[in-house]
PDB file of all heavy atoms in Angstrom:
ATOM      1  N   SER A   1       0.816  -1.227   0.011  1.00  0.00           N
ATOM      2  CA  SER A   1       0.004   0.001   0.008  1.00  0.00           C
ATOM      3  C   SER A   1       0.829   1.281  -0.001  1.00  0.00           C
ATOM      4  O   SER A   1       0.303   2.354  -0.286  1.00  0.00           O
ATOM      5  CB  SER A   1      -0.936   0.011   1.211  1.00  0.00           C
ATOM      6  OG  SER A   1      -0.172  -0.052   2.410  1.00  0.00           O
ATOM      7  N   VAL A   2       2.132   1.168   0.329  1.00  0.00           N
ATOM      8  CA  VAL A   2       2.955   2.366   0.391  1.00  0.00           C
ATOM      9  C   VAL A   2       4.113   2.365  -0.628  1.00  0.00           C
ATOM     10  O   VAL A   2       4.846   3.328  -0.722  1.00  0.00           O
ATOM     11  CB  VAL A   2       3.521   2.587   1.813  1.00  0.00           C
ATOM     12  CG1 VAL A   2       2.390   2.602   2.833  1.00  0.00           C
ATOM     13  CG2 VAL A   2       4.576   1.568   2.182  1.00  0.00           C
ATOM     14  N   LYS A   3       4.282   1.270  -1.340  1.00  0.00           N
ATOM     15  CA  LYS A   3       5.379   1.167  -2.326  1.00  0.00           C
ATOM     16  C   LYS A   3       5.269   2.299  -3.327  1.00  0.00           C
ATOM     17  O   LYS A   3       4.205   2.597  -3.854  1.00  0.00           O
ATOM     18  CB  LYS A   3       5.344  -0.167  -3.023  1.00  0.00           C
ATOM     19  CG  LYS A   3       5.917  -1.314  -2.212  1.00  0.00           C
ATOM     20  CD  LYS A   3       5.846  -2.620  -2.995  1.00  0.00           C
ATOM     21  CE  LYS A   3       6.424  -3.778  -2.161  1.00  0.00           C
ATOM     22  NZ  LYS A   3       6.300  -5.078  -2.872  1.00  0.00           N
ATOM     23  N   GLY A   4       6.403   2.929  -3.581  1.00  0.00           N
ATOM     24  CA  GLY A   4       6.449   4.021  -4.547  1.00  0.00           C
ATOM     25  C   GLY A   4       6.098   5.349  -3.945  1.00  0.00           C
ATOM     26  O   GLY A   4       6.303   6.403  -4.577  1.00  0.00           O
ATOM     27  N   ARG A   5       5.584   5.373  -2.715  1.00  0.00           N
ATOM     28  CA  ARG A   5       5.213   6.637  -2.047  1.00  0.00           C
ATOM     29  C   ARG A   5       6.057   6.894  -0.798  1.00  0.00           C
ATOM     30  O   ARG A   5       6.381   8.040  -0.514  1.00  0.00           O
ATOM     31  CB  ARG A   5       3.739   6.616  -1.644  1.00  0.00           C
ATOM     32  CG  ARG A   5       2.792   6.451  -2.806  1.00  0.00           C
ATOM     33  CD  ARG A   5       1.334   6.663  -2.386  1.00  0.00           C
ATOM     34  NE  ARG A   5       0.897   5.667  -1.399  1.00  0.00           N
ATOM     35  CZ  ARG A   5       0.416   5.983  -0.194  1.00  0.00           C
ATOM     36  NH1 ARG A   5       0.325   7.240   0.193  1.00  0.00           N
ATOM     37  NH2 ARG A   5       0.012   5.014   0.649  1.00  0.00           N
ATOM     38  N   PHE A   6       6.390   5.829  -0.091  1.00  0.00           N
ATOM     39  CA  PHE A   6       7.163   5.958   1.166  1.00  0.00           C
ATOM     40  C   PHE A   6       8.587   5.439   0.956  1.00  0.00           C
ATOM     41  O   PHE A   6       8.795   4.476   0.191  1.00  0.00           O
ATOM     42  CB  PHE A   6       6.512   5.160   2.287  1.00  0.00           C
ATOM     43  CG  PHE A   6       5.174   5.679   2.769  1.00  0.00           C
ATOM     44  CD1 PHE A   6       4.502   6.704   2.110  1.00  0.00           C
ATOM     45  CD2 PHE A   6       4.617   5.163   3.915  1.00  0.00           C
ATOM     46  CE1 PHE A   6       3.285   7.144   2.562  1.00  0.00           C
ATOM     47  CE2 PHE A   6       3.395   5.617   4.403  1.00  0.00           C
ATOM     48  CZ  PHE A   6       2.750   6.619   3.710  1.00  0.00           C
ATOM     49  N   THR A   7       9.523   6.033   1.657  1.00  0.00           N
ATOM     50  CA  THR A   7      10.899   5.591   1.620  1.00  0.00           C
ATOM     51  C   THR A   7      11.452   5.550   3.043  1.00  0.00           C
ATOM     52  O   THR A   7      11.387   6.532   3.768  1.00  0.00           O
ATOM     53  CB  THR A   7      11.775   6.526   0.775  1.00  0.00           C
ATOM     54  OG1 THR A   7      11.229   6.624  -0.546  1.00  0.00           O
ATOM     55  CG2 THR A   7      13.209   6.009   0.682  1.00  0.00           C
ATOM     56  N   ILE A   8      12.036   4.404   3.410  1.00  0.00           N
ATOM     57  CA  ILE A   8      12.667   4.242   4.689  1.00  0.00           C
ATOM     58  C   ILE A   8      14.180   4.365   4.501  1.00  0.00           C
ATOM     59  O   ILE A   8      14.721   3.850   3.522  1.00  0.00           O
ATOM     60  CB  ILE A   8      12.294   2.910   5.370  1.00  0.00           C
ATOM     61  CG1 ILE A   8      12.807   2.868   6.812  1.00  0.00           C
ATOM     62  CG2 ILE A   8      12.772   1.732   4.555  1.00  0.00           C
ATOM     63  CD1 ILE A   8      12.250   1.682   7.619  1.00  0.00           C
ATOM     64  N   SER A   9      14.822   5.053   5.408  1.00  0.00           N
ATOM     65  CA  SER A   9      16.270   5.187   5.329  1.00  0.00           C
ATOM     66  C   SER A   9      16.839   5.269   6.748  1.00  0.00           C
ATOM     67  O   SER A   9      16.114   5.509   7.696  1.00  0.00           O
ATOM     68  CB  SER A   9      16.659   6.437   4.534  1.00  0.00           C
ATOM     69  OG  SER A   9      16.145   7.612   5.155  1.00  0.00           O
ATOM     70  N   ARG A  10      18.157   5.071   6.838  1.00  0.00           N
ATOM     71  CA  ARG A  10      18.805   5.067   8.140  1.00  0.00           C
ATOM     72  C   ARG A  10      20.067   5.896   8.081  1.00  0.00           C
ATOM     73  O   ARG A  10      20.864   5.741   7.160  1.00  0.00           O
ATOM     74  CB  ARG A  10      19.113   3.633   8.568  1.00  0.00           C
ATOM     75  CG  ARG A  10      19.763   3.511   9.943  1.00  0.00           C
ATOM     76  CD  ARG A  10      19.823   2.055  10.374  1.00  0.00           C
ATOM     77  NE  ARG A  10      20.526   1.884  11.649  1.00  0.00           N
ATOM     78  CZ  ARG A  10      20.613   0.750  12.324  1.00  0.00           C
ATOM     79  NH1 ARG A  10      20.036  -0.348  11.852  1.00  0.00           N
ATOM     80  NH2 ARG A  10      21.264   0.689  13.464  1.00  0.00           N
ATOM     81  N   ASP A  11      20.244   6.720   9.068  1.00  0.00           N
ATOM     82  CA  ASP A  11      21.469   7.511   9.219  1.00  0.00           C
ATOM     83  C   ASP A  11      22.203   6.927  10.431  1.00  0.00           C
ATOM     84  O   ASP A  11      21.851   7.205  11.579  1.00  0.00           O
ATOM     85  CB  ASP A  11      21.121   8.978   9.453  1.00  0.00           C
ATOM     86  CG  ASP A  11      22.365   9.862   9.524  1.00  0.00           C
ATOM     87  OD1 ASP A  11      23.432   9.380   9.881  1.00  0.00           O
ATOM     88  OD2 ASP A  11      22.237  11.072   9.204  1.00  0.00           O
ATOM     89  N   ASN A  12      23.224   6.146  10.156  1.00  0.00           N
ATOM     90  CA  ASN A  12      23.913   5.459  11.244  1.00  0.00           C
ATOM     91  C   ASN A  12      24.658   6.431  12.159  1.00  0.00           C
ATOM     92  O   ASN A  12      24.777   6.186  13.362  1.00  0.00           O
ATOM     93  CB  ASN A  12      24.919   4.447  10.655  1.00  0.00           C
ATOM     94  CG  ASN A  12      24.233   3.255  10.039  1.00  0.00           C
ATOM     95  OD1 ASN A  12      23.166   2.841  10.506  1.00  0.00           O
ATOM     96  ND2 ASN A  12      24.786   2.708   8.992  1.00  0.00           N
ATOM     97  N   ALA A  13      25.132   7.518  11.623  1.00  0.00           N
ATOM     98  CA  ALA A  13      25.840   8.503  12.423  1.00  0.00           C
ATOM     99  C   ALA A  13      24.951   9.118  13.462  1.00  0.00           C
ATOM    100  O   ALA A  13      25.393   9.478  14.566  1.00  0.00           O
ATOM    101  CB  ALA A  13      26.441   9.581  11.532  1.00  0.00           C
ATOM    102  N   LYS A  14      23.652   9.251  13.145  1.00  0.00           N
ATOM    103  CA  LYS A  14      22.699   9.852  14.051  1.00  0.00           C
ATOM    104  C   LYS A  14      21.840   8.813  14.766  1.00  0.00           C
ATOM    105  O   LYS A  14      20.955   9.168  15.554  1.00  0.00           O
ATOM    106  CB  LYS A  14      21.786  10.823  13.291  1.00  0.00           C
ATOM    107  CG  LYS A  14      22.520  11.999  12.729  1.00  0.00           C
ATOM    108  CD  LYS A  14      21.569  12.967  12.028  1.00  0.00           C
ATOM    109  CE  LYS A  14      22.271  14.185  11.492  1.00  0.00           C
ATOM    110  NZ  LYS A  14      21.341  15.136  10.834  1.00  0.00           N
ATOM    111  N   ASN A  15      22.072   7.533  14.456  1.00  0.00           N
ATOM    112  CA  ASN A  15      21.252   6.446  15.042  1.00  0.00           C
ATOM    113  C   ASN A  15      19.779   6.723  14.844  1.00  0.00           C
ATOM    114  O   ASN A  15      18.940   6.551  15.752  1.00  0.00           O
ATOM    115  CB  ASN A  15      21.541   6.297  16.555  1.00  0.00           C
ATOM    116  CG  ASN A  15      22.981   5.883  16.786  1.00  0.00           C
ATOM    117  OD1 ASN A  15      23.553   5.094  16.033  1.00  0.00           O
ATOM    118  ND2 ASN A  15      23.586   6.449  17.829  1.00  0.00           N
ATOM    119  N   THR A  16      19.446   7.149  13.647  1.00  0.00           N
ATOM    120  CA  THR A  16      18.076   7.570  13.353  1.00  0.00           C
ATOM    121  C   THR A  16      17.583   6.918  12.057  1.00  0.00           C
ATOM    122  O   THR A  16      18.336   6.799  11.112  1.00  0.00           O
ATOM    123  CB  THR A  16      18.008   9.085  13.217  1.00  0.00           C
ATOM    124  OG1 THR A  16      18.390   9.680  14.452  1.00  0.00           O
ATOM    125  CG2 THR A  16      16.578   9.536  12.880  1.00  0.00           C
ATOM    126  N   VAL A  17      16.340   6.477  12.100  1.00  0.00           N
ATOM    127  CA  VAL A  17      15.669   5.955  10.913  1.00  0.00           C
ATOM    128  C   VAL A  17      14.567   6.932  10.511  1.00  0.00           C
ATOM    129  O   VAL A  17      13.865   7.481  11.374  1.00  0.00           O
ATOM    130  CB  VAL A  17      15.062   4.561  11.186  1.00  0.00           C
ATOM    131  CG1 VAL A  17      14.159   4.136  10.059  1.00  0.00           C
ATOM    132  CG2 VAL A  17      16.176   3.533  11.356  1.00  0.00           C
ATOM    133  N   TYR A  18      14.463   7.152   9.218  1.00  0.00           N
ATOM    134  CA  TYR A  18      13.472   8.073   8.717  1.00  0.00           C
ATOM    135  C   TYR A  18      12.442   7.345   7.852  1.00  0.00           C
ATOM    136  O   TYR A  18      12.714   6.325   7.238  1.00  0.00           O
ATOM    137  CB  TYR A  18      14.147   9.160   7.834  1.00  0.00           C
ATOM    138  CG  TYR A  18      15.214   9.921   8.561  1.00  0.00           C
ATOM    139  CD1 TYR A  18      16.569   9.601   8.420  1.00  0.00           C
ATOM    140  CD2 TYR A  18      14.880  10.991   9.382  1.00  0.00           C
ATOM    141  CE1 TYR A  18      17.547  10.318   9.089  1.00  0.00           C
ATOM    142  CE2 TYR A  18      15.848  11.707  10.043  1.00  0.00           C
ATOM    143  CZ  TYR A  18      17.186  11.387   9.909  1.00  0.00           C
ATOM    144  OH  TYR A  18      18.155  12.070  10.558  1.00  0.00           O
ATOM    145  N   LEU A  19      11.271   7.923   7.799  1.00  0.00           N
ATOM    146  CA  LEU A  19      10.232   7.457   6.864  1.00  0.00           C
ATOM    147  C   LEU A  19       9.727   8.679   6.120  1.00  0.00           C
ATOM    148  O   LEU A  19       9.007   9.510   6.698  1.00  0.00           O
ATOM    149  CB  LEU A  19       9.079   6.768   7.626  1.00  0.00           C
ATOM    150  CG  LEU A  19       8.023   6.172   6.708  1.00  0.00           C
ATOM    151  CD1 LEU A  19       8.603   4.968   5.948  1.00  0.00           C
ATOM    152  CD2 LEU A  19       6.779   5.738   7.505  1.00  0.00           C
ATOM    153  N   GLN A  20      10.152   8.780   4.885  1.00  0.00           N
ATOM    154  CA  GLN A  20       9.692   9.858   4.029  1.00  0.00           C
ATOM    155  C   GLN A  20       8.384   9.420   3.380  1.00  0.00           C
ATOM    156  O   GLN A  20       8.357   8.409   2.676  1.00  0.00           O
ATOM    157  CB  GLN A  20      10.723  10.191   2.951  1.00  0.00           C
ATOM    158  CG  GLN A  20      10.298  11.273   1.976  1.00  0.00           C
ATOM    159  CD  GLN A  20      10.151  12.635   2.621  1.00  0.00           C
ATOM    160  OE1 GLN A  20      10.977  13.021   3.433  1.00  0.00           O
ATOM    161  NE2 GLN A  20       9.069  13.361   2.292  1.00  0.00           N
ATOM    162  N   MET A  21       7.338  10.169   3.617  1.00  0.00           N
ATOM    163  CA  MET A  21       6.008   9.803   3.127  1.00  0.00           C
ATOM    164  C   MET A  21       5.539  10.883   2.128  1.00  0.00           C
ATOM    165  O   MET A  21       5.366  12.045   2.518  1.00  0.00           O
ATOM    166  CB  MET A  21       5.029   9.696   4.291  1.00  0.00           C
ATOM    167  CG  MET A  21       5.487   8.734   5.359  1.00  0.00           C
ATOM    168  SD  MET A  21       4.245   8.464   6.664  1.00  0.00           S
ATOM    169  CE  MET A  21       4.126  10.098   7.378  1.00  0.00           C
ATOM    170  N   ASN A  22       5.357  10.487   0.896  1.00  0.00           N
ATOM    171  CA  ASN A  22       4.892  11.376  -0.159  1.00  0.00           C
ATOM    172  C   ASN A  22       3.528  10.933  -0.666  1.00  0.00           C
ATOM    173  O   ASN A  22       3.118   9.792  -0.444  1.00  0.00           O
ATOM    174  CB  ASN A  22       5.910  11.414  -1.321  1.00  0.00           C
ATOM    175  CG  ASN A  22       7.271  11.902  -0.887  1.00  0.00           C
ATOM    176  OD1 ASN A  22       7.407  12.750  -0.005  1.00  0.00           O
ATOM    177  ND2 ASN A  22       8.300  11.381  -1.522  1.00  0.00           N
ATOM    178  N   SER A  23       2.859  11.816  -1.375  1.00  0.00           N
ATOM    179  CA  SER A  23       1.570  11.514  -1.962  1.00  0.00           C
ATOM    180  C   SER A  23       0.617  10.874  -0.938  1.00  0.00           C
ATOM    181  O   SER A  23       0.003   9.844  -1.177  1.00  0.00           O
ATOM    182  CB  SER A  23       1.737  10.574  -3.156  1.00  0.00           C
ATOM    183  OG  SER A  23       2.578  11.129  -4.130  1.00  0.00           O
ATOM    184  N   LEU A  24       0.554  11.484   0.209  1.00  0.00           N
ATOM    185  CA  LEU A  24      -0.240  10.936   1.313  1.00  0.00           C
ATOM    186  C   LEU A  24      -1.721  10.903   0.968  1.00  0.00           C
ATOM    187  O   LEU A  24      -2.257  11.799   0.295  1.00  0.00           O
ATOM    188  CB  LEU A  24       0.002  11.723   2.579  1.00  0.00           C
ATOM    189  CG  LEU A  24       1.352  11.382   3.275  1.00  0.00           C
ATOM    190  CD1 LEU A  24       1.751  12.475   4.215  1.00  0.00           C
ATOM    191  CD2 LEU A  24       1.243  10.036   3.994  1.00  0.00           C
ATOM    192  N   LYS A  25      -2.367   9.844   1.474  1.00  0.00           N
ATOM    193  CA  LYS A  25      -3.783   9.628   1.253  1.00  0.00           C
ATOM    194  C   LYS A  25      -4.516   9.616   2.615  1.00  0.00           C
ATOM    195  O   LYS A  25      -3.889   9.299   3.636  1.00  0.00           O
ATOM    196  CB  LYS A  25      -4.007   8.291   0.560  1.00  0.00           C
ATOM    197  CG  LYS A  25      -3.242   8.148  -0.756  1.00  0.00           C
ATOM    198  CD  LYS A  25      -3.413   6.739  -1.305  1.00  0.00           C
ATOM    199  CE  LYS A  25      -2.661   6.554  -2.591  1.00  0.00           C
ATOM    200  NZ  LYS A  25      -2.826   5.145  -3.157  1.00  0.00           N
ATOM    201  N   PRO A  26      -5.801   9.891   2.613  1.00  0.00           N
ATOM    202  CA  PRO A  26      -6.534   9.821   3.880  1.00  0.00           C
ATOM    203  C   PRO A  26      -6.399   8.456   4.562  1.00  0.00           C
ATOM    204  O   PRO A  26      -6.364   8.385   5.809  1.00  0.00           O
ATOM    205  CB  PRO A  26      -7.984  10.079   3.440  1.00  0.00           C
ATOM    206  CG  PRO A  26      -7.838  10.935   2.254  1.00  0.00           C
ATOM    207  CD  PRO A  26      -6.642  10.439   1.518  1.00  0.00           C
ATOM    208  N   GLU A  27      -6.276   7.392   3.785  1.00  0.00           N
ATOM    209  CA  GLU A  27      -6.137   6.066   4.385  1.00  0.00           C
ATOM    210  C   GLU A  27      -4.779   5.831   5.035  1.00  0.00           C
ATOM    211  O   GLU A  27      -4.564   4.787   5.657  1.00  0.00           O
ATOM    212  CB  GLU A  27      -6.416   4.971   3.358  1.00  0.00           C
ATOM    213  CG  GLU A  27      -5.656   5.118   2.044  1.00  0.00           C
ATOM    214  CD  GLU A  27      -6.481   5.805   0.986  1.00  0.00           C
ATOM    215  OE1 GLU A  27      -7.153   6.818   1.269  1.00  0.00           O
ATOM    216  OE2 GLU A  27      -6.444   5.322  -0.181  1.00  0.00           O
ATOM    217  N   ASP A  28      -3.871   6.777   4.903  1.00  0.00           N
ATOM    218  CA  ASP A  28      -2.597   6.705   5.584  1.00  0.00           C
ATOM    219  C   ASP A  28      -2.694   7.242   7.038  1.00  0.00           C
ATOM    220  O   ASP A  28      -1.749   7.137   7.818  1.00  0.00           O
ATOM    221  CB  ASP A  28      -1.510   7.509   4.872  1.00  0.00           C
ATOM    222  CG  ASP A  28      -1.188   6.912   3.504  1.00  0.00           C
ATOM    223  OD1 ASP A  28      -1.062   5.684   3.400  1.00  0.00           O
ATOM    224  OD2 ASP A  28      -1.025   7.717   2.557  1.00  0.00           O
ATOM    225  N   THR A  29      -3.866   7.778   7.381  1.00  0.00           N
ATOM    226  CA  THR A  29      -4.081   8.284   8.714  1.00  0.00           C
ATOM    227  C   THR A  29      -3.963   7.156   9.739  1.00  0.00           C
ATOM    228  O   THR A  29      -4.621   6.128   9.605  1.00  0.00           O
ATOM    229  CB  THR A  29      -5.471   8.930   8.825  1.00  0.00           C
ATOM    230  OG1 THR A  29      -5.514  10.096   7.996  1.00  0.00           O
ATOM    231  CG2 THR A  29      -5.774   9.332  10.261  1.00  0.00           C
ATOM    232  N   ALA A  30      -3.073   7.355  10.712  1.00  0.00           N
ATOM    233  CA  ALA A  30      -2.839   6.328  11.729  1.00  0.00           C
ATOM    234  C   ALA A  30      -1.824   6.846  12.743  1.00  0.00           C
ATOM    235  O   ALA A  30      -1.221   7.909  12.546  1.00  0.00           O
ATOM    236  CB  ALA A  30      -2.281   5.049  11.065  1.00  0.00           C
ATOM    237  N   VAL A  31      -1.649   6.094  13.809  1.00  0.00           N
ATOM    238  CA  VAL A  31      -0.511   6.304  14.674  1.00  0.00           C
ATOM    239  C   VAL A  31       0.628   5.459  14.134  1.00  0.00           C
ATOM    240  O   VAL A  31       0.460   4.256  13.903  1.00  0.00           O
ATOM    241  CB  VAL A  31      -0.827   5.908  16.125  1.00  0.00           C
ATOM    242  CG1 VAL A  31       0.415   6.097  16.989  1.00  0.00           C
ATOM    243  CG2 VAL A  31      -1.988   6.746  16.676  1.00  0.00           C
ATOM    244  N   TYR A  32       1.762   6.090  13.910  1.00  0.00           N
ATOM    245  CA  TYR A  32       2.918   5.425  13.354  1.00  0.00           C
ATOM    246  C   TYR A  32       3.906   5.099  14.470  1.00  0.00           C
ATOM    247  O   TYR A  32       4.303   5.965  15.241  1.00  0.00           O
ATOM    248  CB  TYR A  32       3.574   6.289  12.275  1.00  0.00           C
ATOM    249  CG  TYR A  32       2.809   6.284  10.988  1.00  0.00           C
ATOM    250  CD1 TYR A  32       1.559   6.920  10.879  1.00  0.00           C
ATOM    251  CD2 TYR A  32       3.317   5.625   9.851  1.00  0.00           C
ATOM    252  CE1 TYR A  32       0.842   6.883   9.709  1.00  0.00           C
ATOM    253  CE2 TYR A  32       2.578   5.605   8.672  1.00  0.00           C
ATOM    254  CZ  TYR A  32       1.367   6.238   8.590  1.00  0.00           C
ATOM    255  OH  TYR A  32       0.625   6.204   7.429  1.00  0.00           O
ATOM    256  N   TYR A  33       4.310   3.818  14.513  1.00  0.00           N
ATOM    257  CA  TYR A  33       5.205   3.359  15.532  1.00  0.00           C
ATOM    258  C   TYR A  33       6.524   2.904  14.906  1.00  0.00           C
ATOM    259  O   TYR A  33       6.539   2.272  13.855  1.00  0.00           O
ATOM    260  CB  TYR A  33       4.615   2.155  16.262  1.00  0.00           C
ATOM    261  CG  TYR A  33       3.351   2.464  17.041  1.00  0.00           C
ATOM    262  CD1 TYR A  33       2.115   2.315  16.444  1.00  0.00           C
ATOM    263  CD2 TYR A  33       3.401   2.891  18.362  1.00  0.00           C
ATOM    264  CE1 TYR A  33       0.939   2.588  17.127  1.00  0.00           C
ATOM    265  CE2 TYR A  33       2.253   3.177  19.057  1.00  0.00           C
ATOM    266  CZ  TYR A  33       1.024   3.018  18.431  1.00  0.00           C
ATOM    267  OH  TYR A  33      -0.138   3.274  19.136  1.00  0.00           O
ATOM    268  N   CYS A  34       7.581   3.222  15.573  1.00  0.00           N
ATOM    269  CA  CYS A  34       8.923   2.740  15.197  1.00  0.00           C
ATOM    270  C   CYS A  34       9.302   1.579  16.105  1.00  0.00           C
ATOM    271  O   CYS A  34       8.934   1.571  17.294  1.00  0.00           O
ATOM    272  CB  CYS A  34       9.918   3.880  15.336  1.00  0.00           C
ATOM    273  SG  CYS A  34      11.642   3.411  15.004  1.00  0.00           S
ATOM    274  N   ASN A  35      10.030   0.599  15.540  1.00  0.00           N
ATOM    275  CA  ASN A  35      10.578  -0.436  16.402  1.00  0.00           C
ATOM    276  C   ASN A  35      12.008  -0.726  16.055  1.00  0.00           C
ATOM    277  O   ASN A  35      12.485  -0.420  14.957  1.00  0.00           O
ATOM    278  CB  ASN A  35       9.709  -1.685  16.402  1.00  0.00           C
ATOM    279  CG  ASN A  35       9.844  -2.538  15.177  1.00  0.00           C
ATOM    280  OD1 ASN A  35      10.648  -2.299  14.286  1.00  0.00           O
ATOM    281  ND2 ASN A  35       9.047  -3.602  15.117  1.00  0.00           N
ATOM    282  N   ALA A  36      12.691  -1.318  16.998  1.00  0.00           N
ATOM    283  CA  ALA A  36      14.062  -1.738  16.828  1.00  0.00           C
ATOM    284  C   ALA A  36      14.160  -3.182  17.299  1.00  0.00           C
ATOM    285  O   ALA A  36      13.779  -3.500  18.418  1.00  0.00           O
ATOM    286  CB  ALA A  36      15.026  -0.865  17.618  1.00  0.00           C
ATOM    287  N   ALA A  37      14.610  -4.043  16.407  1.00  0.00           N
ATOM    288  CA  ALA A  37      14.657  -5.458  16.713  1.00  0.00           C
ATOM    289  C   ALA A  37      16.092  -5.939  16.958  1.00  0.00           C
ATOM    290  O   ALA A  37      17.003  -5.616  16.195  1.00  0.00           O
ATOM    291  CB  ALA A  37      14.079  -6.271  15.541  1.00  0.00           C
ATOM    292  N   THR A  38      16.273  -6.646  18.078  1.00  0.00           N
ATOM    293  CA  THR A  38      17.533  -7.311  18.340  1.00  0.00           C
ATOM    294  C   THR A  38      17.335  -8.800  18.276  1.00  0.00           C
ATOM    295  O   THR A  38      16.225  -9.252  17.965  1.00  0.00           O
ATOM    296  CB  THR A  38      18.042  -6.922  19.749  1.00  0.00           C
ATOM    297  OG1 THR A  38      17.187  -7.529  20.732  1.00  0.00           O
ATOM    298  CG2 THR A  38      18.035  -5.405  19.962  1.00  0.00           C
ATOM    299  N   ARG A  39      18.356  -9.579  18.567  1.00  0.00           N
ATOM    300  CA  ARG A  39      18.196 -11.013  18.538  1.00  0.00           C
ATOM    301  C   ARG A  39      17.239 -11.496  19.632  1.00  0.00           C
ATOM    302  O   ARG A  39      16.641 -12.561  19.502  1.00  0.00           O
ATOM    303  CB  ARG A  39      19.555 -11.694  18.729  1.00  0.00           C
ATOM    304  CG  ARG A  39      20.459 -11.583  17.535  1.00  0.00           C
ATOM    305  CD  ARG A  39      21.751 -12.352  17.757  1.00  0.00           C
ATOM    306  NE  ARG A  39      22.655 -12.236  16.623  1.00  0.00           N
ATOM    307  CZ  ARG A  39      23.833 -12.837  16.570  1.00  0.00           C
ATOM    308  NH1 ARG A  39      24.262 -13.581  17.574  1.00  0.00           N
ATOM    309  NH2 ARG A  39      24.593 -12.677  15.525  1.00  0.00           N
TER     310      ARG A  39
END
């Protein structure tokens, strides 16, 4: 549902992950959660 509109990227120097969201639609309305997975 987000392919071609959203881009995820990571800046290791800042320990930060980004989600660039373009061409947003009303159905994208939500609470967005980030997670970090370890072993």
